[in-house]
Amino acid sequence: MHAVVGRRTVLRDDLPAAADARRAEAEVIAEAYRTAHCGDDRAALVAAIADALADLTAAEQRTEAMRRQVSRGYARGAAGAA
């Protein structure tokens, strides 16, 4: 088998250890979703994607909240210095 790493294709045996660990973790997660959905691969995939999208949305909301806090901090700091 092969995989794409960066912009080059390498043999799976050549993947860095971290990539192997991520793949192993992904396989465990995939099997957990498959088991939770009684072997229905499509339902497991849809659930995994829905969960990933929910996690992405939550991360984006946290990032935006931090940006607002930082922005307010700069505005308050500038107002106090004037």
PDB file of N, CA and C in Angstrom:
ATOM      1  N   MET A   1       0.841  -1.189   0.000  1.00  0.00           N
ATOM      2  CA  MET A   1       0.000   0.000   0.000  1.00  0.00           C
ATOM      3  C   MET A   1       0.874   1.236   0.000  1.00  0.00           C
ATOM      4  N   HIS A   2       0.276   2.348  -0.358  1.00  0.00           N
ATOM      5  CA  HIS A   2       1.015   3.600  -0.351  1.00  0.00           C
ATOM      6  C   HIS A   2       0.156   4.680   0.284  1.00  0.00           C
ATOM      7  N   ALA A   3       0.796   5.754   0.640  1.00  0.00           N
ATOM      8  CA  ALA A   3       0.101   6.889   1.237  1.00  0.00           C
ATOM      9  C   ALA A   3       0.769   8.160   0.758  1.00  0.00           C
ATOM     10  N   VAL A   4       0.015   9.239   0.803  1.00  0.00           N
ATOM     11  CA  VAL A   4       0.569  10.529   0.420  1.00  0.00           C
ATOM     12  C   VAL A   4       1.026  11.237   1.679  1.00  0.00           C
ATOM     13  N   VAL A   5       2.286  11.628   1.727  1.00  0.00           N
ATOM     14  CA  VAL A   5       2.854  12.370   2.851  1.00  0.00           C
ATOM     15  C   VAL A   5       3.397  13.656   2.267  1.00  0.00           C
ATOM     16  N   GLY A   6       2.812  14.778   2.692  1.00  0.00           N
ATOM     17  CA  GLY A   6       3.222  16.048   2.090  1.00  0.00           C
ATOM     18  C   GLY A   6       2.829  16.018   0.621  1.00  0.00           C
ATOM     19  N   ARG A   7       3.798  16.201  -0.252  1.00  0.00           N
ATOM     20  CA  ARG A   7       3.522  16.202  -1.686  1.00  0.00           C
ATOM     21  C   ARG A   7       4.094  14.985  -2.395  1.00  0.00           C
ATOM     22  N   ARG A   8       4.567  14.005  -1.625  1.00  0.00           N
ATOM     23  CA  ARG A   8       5.141  12.841  -2.276  1.00  0.00           C
ATOM     24  C   ARG A   8       4.435  11.581  -1.804  1.00  0.00           C
ATOM     25  N   THR A   9       4.450  10.585  -2.638  1.00  0.00           N
ATOM     26  CA  THR A   9       3.846   9.314  -2.300  1.00  0.00           C
ATOM     27  C   THR A   9       4.940   8.386  -1.805  1.00  0.00           C
ATOM     28  N   VAL A  10       4.685   7.739  -0.683  1.00  0.00           N
ATOM     29  CA  VAL A  10       5.663   6.830  -0.102  1.00  0.00           C
ATOM     30  C   VAL A  10       4.980   5.503   0.202  1.00  0.00           C
ATOM     31  N   LEU A  11       5.769   4.474   0.362  1.00  0.00           N
ATOM     32  CA  LEU A  11       5.232   3.200   0.794  1.00  0.00           C
ATOM     33  C   LEU A  11       4.771   3.319   2.238  1.00  0.00           C
ATOM     34  N   ARG A  12       3.722   2.611   2.601  1.00  0.00           N
ATOM     35  CA  ARG A  12       3.193   2.681   3.957  1.00  0.00           C
ATOM     36  C   ARG A  12       4.275   2.327   4.973  1.00  0.00           C
ATOM     37  N   ASP A  13       5.200   1.441   4.603  1.00  0.00           N
ATOM     38  CA  ASP A  13       6.283   1.066   5.515  1.00  0.00           C
ATOM     39  C   ASP A  13       7.219   2.235   5.806  1.00  0.00           C
ATOM     40  N   ASP A  14       7.223   3.253   4.940  1.00  0.00           N
ATOM     41  CA  ASP A  14       8.117   4.396   5.105  1.00  0.00           C
ATOM     42  C   ASP A  14       7.493   5.533   5.914  1.00  0.00           C
ATOM     43  N   LEU A  15       6.253   5.377   6.365  1.00  0.00           N
ATOM     44  CA  LEU A  15       5.591   6.447   7.105  1.00  0.00           C
ATOM     45  C   LEU A  15       6.280   6.678   8.442  1.00  0.00           C
ATOM     46  N   PRO A  16       6.338   7.924   8.869  1.00  0.00           N
ATOM     47  CA  PRO A  16       6.910   8.215  10.188  1.00  0.00           C
ATOM     48  C   PRO A  16       6.090   7.528  11.284  1.00  0.00           C
ATOM     49  N   ALA A  17       6.699   7.298  12.428  1.00  0.00           N
ATOM     50  CA  ALA A  17       6.034   6.616  13.535  1.00  0.00           C
ATOM     51  C   ALA A  17       4.771   7.361  13.972  1.00  0.00           C
ATOM     52  N   ALA A  18       4.796   8.684  13.959  1.00  0.00           N
ATOM     53  CA  ALA A  18       3.620   9.466  14.376  1.00  0.00           C
ATOM     54  C   ALA A  18       2.448   9.203  13.446  1.00  0.00           C
ATOM     55  N   ALA A  19       2.722   9.091  12.152  1.00  0.00           N
ATOM     56  CA  ALA A  19       1.654   8.814  11.193  1.00  0.00           C
ATOM     57  C   ALA A  19       1.100   7.416  11.423  1.00  0.00           C
ATOM     58  N   ASP A  20       1.967   6.469  11.737  1.00  0.00           N
ATOM     59  CA  ASP A  20       1.510   5.117  12.056  1.00  0.00           C
ATOM     60  C   ASP A  20       0.616   5.126  13.288  1.00  0.00           C
ATOM     61  N   ALA A  21       0.991   5.901  14.281  1.00  0.00           N
ATOM     62  CA  ALA A  21       0.200   5.986  15.509  1.00  0.00           C
ATOM     63  C   ALA A  21      -1.162   6.602  15.229  1.00  0.00           C
ATOM     64  N   ARG A  22      -1.202   7.650  14.397  1.00  0.00           N
ATOM     65  CA  ARG A  22      -2.482   8.281  14.039  1.00  0.00           C
ATOM     66  C   ARG A  22      -3.359   7.307  13.267  1.00  0.00           C
ATOM     67  N   ARG A  23      -2.749   6.548  12.362  1.00  0.00           N
ATOM     68  CA  ARG A  23      -3.521   5.573  11.588  1.00  0.00           C
ATOM     69  C   ARG A  23      -4.081   4.491  12.515  1.00  0.00           C
ATOM     70  N   ALA A  24      -3.277   4.007  13.459  1.00  0.00           N
ATOM     71  CA  ALA A  24      -3.747   2.995  14.402  1.00  0.00           C
ATOM     72  C   ALA A  24      -4.897   3.543  15.239  1.00  0.00           C
ATOM     73  N   GLU A  25      -4.773   4.800  15.682  1.00  0.00           N
ATOM     74  CA  GLU A  25      -5.848   5.422  16.460  1.00  0.00           C
ATOM     75  C   GLU A  25      -7.107   5.564  15.613  1.00  0.00           C
ATOM     76  N   ALA A  26      -6.937   5.952  14.350  1.00  0.00           N
ATOM     77  CA  ALA A  26      -8.075   6.088  13.451  1.00  0.00           C
ATOM     78  C   ALA A  26      -8.778   4.747  13.244  1.00  0.00           C
ATOM     79  N   GLU A  27      -8.011   3.681  13.136  1.00  0.00           N
ATOM     80  CA  GLU A  27      -8.606   2.356  12.962  1.00  0.00           C
ATOM     81  C   GLU A  27      -9.402   1.938  14.196  1.00  0.00           C
ATOM     82  N   VAL A  28      -8.895   2.263  15.385  1.00  0.00           N
ATOM     83  CA  VAL A  28      -9.623   1.951  16.622  1.00  0.00           C
ATOM     84  C   VAL A  28     -10.927   2.734  16.669  1.00  0.00           C
ATOM     85  N   ILE A  29     -10.864   4.017  16.321  1.00  0.00           N
ATOM     86  CA  ILE A  29     -12.062   4.860  16.328  1.00  0.00           C
ATOM     87  C   ILE A  29     -13.068   4.355  15.304  1.00  0.00           C
ATOM     88  N   ALA A  30     -12.583   4.014  14.101  1.00  0.00           N
ATOM     89  CA  ALA A  30     -13.472   3.505  13.055  1.00  0.00           C
ATOM     90  C   ALA A  30     -14.170   2.234  13.514  1.00  0.00           C
ATOM     91  N   GLU A  31     -13.434   1.353  14.146  1.00  0.00           N
ATOM     92  CA  GLU A  31     -14.038   0.101  14.627  1.00  0.00           C
ATOM     93  C   GLU A  31     -15.064   0.377  15.725  1.00  0.00           C
ATOM     94  N   ALA A  32     -14.801   1.363  16.568  1.00  0.00           N
ATOM     95  CA  ALA A  32     -15.761   1.724  17.626  1.00  0.00           C
ATOM     96  C   ALA A  32     -17.066   2.248  17.012  1.00  0.00           C
ATOM     97  N   TYR A  33     -16.952   3.091  15.993  1.00  0.00           N
ATOM     98  CA  TYR A  33     -18.162   3.588  15.320  1.00  0.00           C
ATOM     99  C   TYR A  33     -18.898   2.433  14.642  1.00  0.00           C
ATOM    100  N   ARG A  34     -18.159   1.551  13.997  1.00  0.00           N
ATOM    101  CA  ARG A  34     -18.774   0.407  13.299  1.00  0.00           C
ATOM    102  C   ARG A  34     -19.503  -0.484  14.298  1.00  0.00           C
ATOM    103  N   THR A  35     -18.884  -0.743  15.436  1.00  0.00           N
ATOM    104  CA  THR A  35     -19.508  -1.562  16.471  1.00  0.00           C
ATOM    105  C   THR A  35     -20.757  -0.878  17.015  1.00  0.00           C
ATOM    106  N   ALA A  36     -20.662   0.421  17.254  1.00  0.00           N
ATOM    107  CA  ALA A  36     -21.810   1.172  17.774  1.00  0.00           C
ATOM    108  C   ALA A  36     -22.987   1.162  16.808  1.00  0.00           C
ATOM    109  N   HIS A  37     -22.695   0.985  15.531  1.00  0.00           N
ATOM    110  CA  HIS A  37     -23.757   0.984  14.517  1.00  0.00           C
ATOM    111  C   HIS A  37     -23.985  -0.414  13.952  1.00  0.00           C
ATOM    112  N   CYS A  38     -23.697  -1.418  14.784  1.00  0.00           N
ATOM    113  CA  CYS A  38     -23.997  -2.829  14.483  1.00  0.00           C
ATOM    114  C   CYS A  38     -23.467  -3.273  13.119  1.00  0.00           C
ATOM    115  N   GLY A  39     -22.265  -2.820  12.782  1.00  0.00           N
ATOM    116  CA  GLY A  39     -21.637  -3.247  11.529  1.00  0.00           C
ATOM    117  C   GLY A  39     -22.111  -2.503  10.298  1.00  0.00           C
ATOM    118  N   ASP A  40     -22.992  -1.530  10.452  1.00  0.00           N
ATOM    119  CA  ASP A  40     -23.475  -0.739   9.306  1.00  0.00           C
ATOM    120  C   ASP A  40     -22.419   0.312   8.975  1.00  0.00           C
ATOM    121  N   ASP A  41     -21.599   0.008   7.965  1.00  0.00           N
ATOM    122  CA  ASP A  41     -20.482   0.889   7.619  1.00  0.00           C
ATOM    123  C   ASP A  41     -20.931   2.293   7.236  1.00  0.00           C
ATOM    124  N   ARG A  42     -22.018   2.396   6.480  1.00  0.00           N
ATOM    125  CA  ARG A  42     -22.486   3.716   6.049  1.00  0.00           C
ATOM    126  C   ARG A  42     -22.932   4.553   7.243  1.00  0.00           C
ATOM    127  N   ALA A  43     -23.706   3.965   8.138  1.00  0.00           N
ATOM    128  CA  ALA A  43     -24.176   4.691   9.325  1.00  0.00           C
ATOM    129  C   ALA A  43     -22.990   5.096  10.204  1.00  0.00           C
ATOM    130  N   ALA A  44     -22.012   4.210  10.325  1.00  0.00           N
ATOM    131  CA  ALA A  44     -20.825   4.524  11.126  1.00  0.00           C
ATOM    132  C   ALA A  44     -20.061   5.690  10.512  1.00  0.00           C
ATOM    133  N   LEU A  45     -19.903   5.677   9.189  1.00  0.00           N
ATOM    134  CA  LEU A  45     -19.194   6.760   8.509  1.00  0.00           C
ATOM    135  C   LEU A  45     -19.932   8.083   8.668  1.00  0.00           C
ATOM    136  N   VAL A  46     -21.228   8.059   8.478  1.00  0.00           N
ATOM    137  CA  VAL A  46     -22.025   9.293   8.619  1.00  0.00           C
ATOM    138  C   VAL A  46     -21.919   9.830  10.042  1.00  0.00           C
ATOM    139  N   ALA A  47     -21.993   8.946  11.040  1.00  0.00           N
ATOM    140  CA  ALA A  47     -21.884   9.381  12.435  1.00  0.00           C
ATOM    141  C   ALA A  47     -20.502   9.964  12.721  1.00  0.00           C
ATOM    142  N   ALA A  48     -19.462   9.322  12.211  1.00  0.00           N
ATOM    143  CA  ALA A  48     -18.096   9.817  12.434  1.00  0.00           C
ATOM    144  C   ALA A  48     -17.911  11.194  11.798  1.00  0.00           C
ATOM    145  N   ILE A  49     -18.422  11.365  10.591  1.00  0.00           N
ATOM    146  CA  ILE A  49     -18.300  12.662   9.917  1.00  0.00           C
ATOM    147  C   ILE A  49     -19.108  13.727  10.656  1.00  0.00           C
ATOM    148  N   ALA A  50     -20.317  13.384  11.095  1.00  0.00           N
ATOM    149  CA  ALA A  50     -21.141  14.344  11.842  1.00  0.00           C
ATOM    150  C   ALA A  50     -20.434  14.771  13.130  1.00  0.00           C
ATOM    151  N   ASP A  51     -19.840  13.810  13.830  1.00  0.00           N
ATOM    152  CA  ASP A  51     -19.105  14.142  15.059  1.00  0.00           C
ATOM    153  C   ASP A  51     -17.890  15.012  14.754  1.00  0.00           C
ATOM    154  N   ALA A  52     -17.180  14.709  13.675  1.00  0.00           N
ATOM    155  CA  ALA A  52     -16.007  15.509  13.305  1.00  0.00           C
ATOM    156  C   ALA A  52     -16.415  16.936  12.956  1.00  0.00           C
ATOM    157  N   LEU A  53     -17.520  17.087  12.236  1.00  0.00           N
ATOM    158  CA  LEU A  53     -18.001  18.430  11.885  1.00  0.00           C
ATOM    159  C   LEU A  53     -18.440  19.197  13.127  1.00  0.00           C
ATOM    160  N   ALA A  54     -19.081  18.517  14.069  1.00  0.00           N
ATOM    161  CA  ALA A  54     -19.485  19.171  15.320  1.00  0.00           C
ATOM    162  C   ALA A  54     -18.254  19.618  16.103  1.00  0.00           C
ATOM    163  N   ASP A  55     -17.229  18.759  16.153  1.00  0.00           N
ATOM    164  CA  ASP A  55     -15.988  19.127  16.843  1.00  0.00           C
ATOM    165  C   ASP A  55     -15.320  20.315  16.160  1.00  0.00           C
ATOM    166  N   LEU A  56     -15.324  20.332  14.833  1.00  0.00           N
ATOM    167  CA  LEU A  56     -14.730  21.442  14.082  1.00  0.00           C
ATOM    168  C   LEU A  56     -15.472  22.742  14.370  1.00  0.00           C
ATOM    169  N   THR A  57     -16.790  22.689  14.383  1.00  0.00           N
ATOM    170  CA  THR A  57     -17.589  23.882  14.674  1.00  0.00           C
ATOM    171  C   THR A  57     -17.292  24.396  16.083  1.00  0.00           C
ATOM    172  N   ALA A  58     -17.212  23.489  17.050  1.00  0.00           N
ATOM    173  CA  ALA A  58     -16.913  23.895  18.428  1.00  0.00           C
ATOM    174  C   ALA A  58     -15.523  24.524  18.518  1.00  0.00           C
ATOM    175  N   ALA A  59     -14.545  23.954  17.825  1.00  0.00           N
ATOM    176  CA  ALA A  59     -13.188  24.513  17.837  1.00  0.00           C
ATOM    177  C   ALA A  59     -13.167  25.897  17.204  1.00  0.00           C
ATOM    178  N   GLU A  60     -13.907  26.061  16.108  1.00  0.00           N
ATOM    179  CA  GLU A  60     -13.974  27.379  15.455  1.00  0.00           C
ATOM    180  C   GLU A  60     -14.615  28.408  16.379  1.00  0.00           C
ATOM    181  N   GLN A  61     -15.649  28.007  17.111  1.00  0.00           N
ATOM    182  CA  GLN A  61     -16.312  28.926  18.043  1.00  0.00           C
ATOM    183  C   GLN A  61     -15.375  29.318  19.180  1.00  0.00           C
ATOM    184  N   ARG A  62     -14.601  28.356  19.700  1.00  0.00           N
ATOM    185  CA  ARG A  62     -13.639  28.673  20.765  1.00  0.00           C
ATOM    186  C   ARG A  62     -12.563  29.621  20.244  1.00  0.00           C
ATOM    187  N   THR A  63     -12.092  29.382  19.018  1.00  0.00           N
ATOM    188  CA  THR A  63     -11.068  30.243  18.430  1.00  0.00           C
ATOM    189  C   THR A  63     -11.600  31.663  18.255  1.00  0.00           C
ATOM    190  N   GLU A  64     -12.814  31.780  17.768  1.00  0.00           N
ATOM    191  CA  GLU A  64     -13.410  33.108  17.569  1.00  0.00           C
ATOM    192  C   GLU A  64     -13.605  33.817  18.910  1.00  0.00           C
ATOM    193  N   ALA A  65     -14.017  33.088  19.936  1.00  0.00           N
ATOM    194  CA  ALA A  65     -14.186  33.694  21.263  1.00  0.00           C
ATOM    195  C   ALA A  65     -12.847  34.197  21.794  1.00  0.00           C
ATOM    196  N   MET A  66     -11.785  33.432  21.585  1.00  0.00           N
ATOM    197  CA  MET A  66     -10.457  33.880  22.028  1.00  0.00           C
ATOM    198  C   MET A  66     -10.015  35.118  21.251  1.00  0.00           C
ATOM    199  N   ARG A  67     -10.309  35.158  19.957  1.00  0.00           N
ATOM    200  CA  ARG A  67      -9.949  36.343  19.163  1.00  0.00           C
ATOM    201  C   ARG A  67     -10.651  37.582  19.693  1.00  0.00           C
ATOM    202  N   ARG A  68     -11.930  37.442  20.045  1.00  0.00           N
ATOM    203  CA  ARG A  68     -12.671  38.589  20.578  1.00  0.00           C
ATOM    204  C   ARG A  68     -12.081  39.046  21.906  1.00  0.00           C
ATOM    205  N   GLN A  69     -11.704  38.104  22.767  1.00  0.00           N
ATOM    206  CA  GLN A  69     -11.118  38.461  24.054  1.00  0.00           C
ATOM    207  C   GLN A  69      -9.789  39.176  23.859  1.00  0.00           C
ATOM    208  N   VAL A  70      -8.973  38.676  22.959  1.00  0.00           N
ATOM    209  CA  VAL A  70      -7.681  39.312  22.695  1.00  0.00           C
ATOM    210  C   VAL A  70      -7.902  40.704  22.133  1.00  0.00           C
ATOM    211  N   SER A  71      -8.844  40.838  21.213  1.00  0.00           N
ATOM    212  CA  SER A  71      -9.133  42.133  20.604  1.00  0.00           C
ATOM    213  C   SER A  71      -9.594  43.133  21.664  1.00  0.00           C
ATOM    214  N   ARG A  72     -10.483  42.711  22.560  1.00  0.00           N
ATOM    215  CA  ARG A  72     -10.948  43.594  23.638  1.00  0.00           C
ATOM    216  C   ARG A  72      -9.813  43.963  24.574  1.00  0.00           C
ATOM    217  N   GLY A  73      -8.935  43.018  24.824  1.00  0.00           N
ATOM    218  CA  GLY A  73      -7.790  43.291  25.685  1.00  0.00           C
ATOM    219  C   GLY A  73      -6.896  44.362  25.106  1.00  0.00           C
ATOM    220  N   TYR A  74      -6.664  44.304  23.805  1.00  0.00           N
ATOM    221  CA  TYR A  74      -5.847  45.331  23.152  1.00  0.00           C
ATOM    222  C   TYR A  74      -6.545  46.678  23.179  1.00  0.00           C
ATOM    223  N   ALA A  75      -7.863  46.677  22.968  1.00  0.00           N
ATOM    224  CA  ALA A  75      -8.600  47.936  22.978  1.00  0.00           C
ATOM    225  C   ALA A  75      -8.583  48.548  24.376  1.00  0.00           C
ATOM    226  N   ARG A  76      -8.771  47.743  25.402  1.00  0.00           N
ATOM    227  CA  ARG A  76      -8.745  48.250  26.777  1.00  0.00           C
ATOM    228  C   ARG A  76      -7.361  48.749  27.153  1.00  0.00           C
ATOM    229  N   GLY A  77      -6.338  48.011  26.733  1.00  0.00           N
ATOM    230  CA  GLY A  77      -4.966  48.422  27.029  1.00  0.00           C
ATOM    231  C   GLY A  77      -4.631  49.740  26.371  1.00  0.00           C
ATOM    232  N   ALA A  78      -5.093  49.946  25.131  1.00  0.00           N
ATOM    233  CA  ALA A  78      -4.816  51.175  24.406  1.00  0.00           C
ATOM    234  C   ALA A  78      -5.583  52.337  25.041  1.00  0.00           C
ATOM    235  N   ALA A  79      -6.810  52.079  25.490  1.00  0.00           N
ATOM    236  CA  ALA A  79      -7.623  53.141  26.096  1.00  0.00           C
ATOM    237  C   ALA A  79      -7.018  53.586  27.435  1.00  0.00           C
ATOM    238  N   GLY A  80      -6.493  52.633  28.196  1.00  0.00           N
ATOM    239  CA  GLY A  80      -5.919  52.955  29.487  1.00  0.00           C
ATOM    240  C   GLY A  80      -4.587  53.695  29.355  1.00  0.00           C
ATOM    241  N   ALA A  81      -3.890  53.490  28.248  1.00  0.00           N
ATOM    242  CA  ALA A  81      -2.588  54.116  28.039  1.00  0.00           C
ATOM    243  C   ALA A  81      -2.713  55.552  27.545  1.00  0.00           C
ATOM    244  N   ALA A  82      -3.875  55.918  27.041  1.00  0.00           N
ATOM    245  CA  ALA A  82      -4.038  57.256  26.463  1.00  0.00           C
ATOM    246  C   ALA A  82      -4.141  58.333  27.484  1.00  0.00           C
TER     247      ALA A  82
END
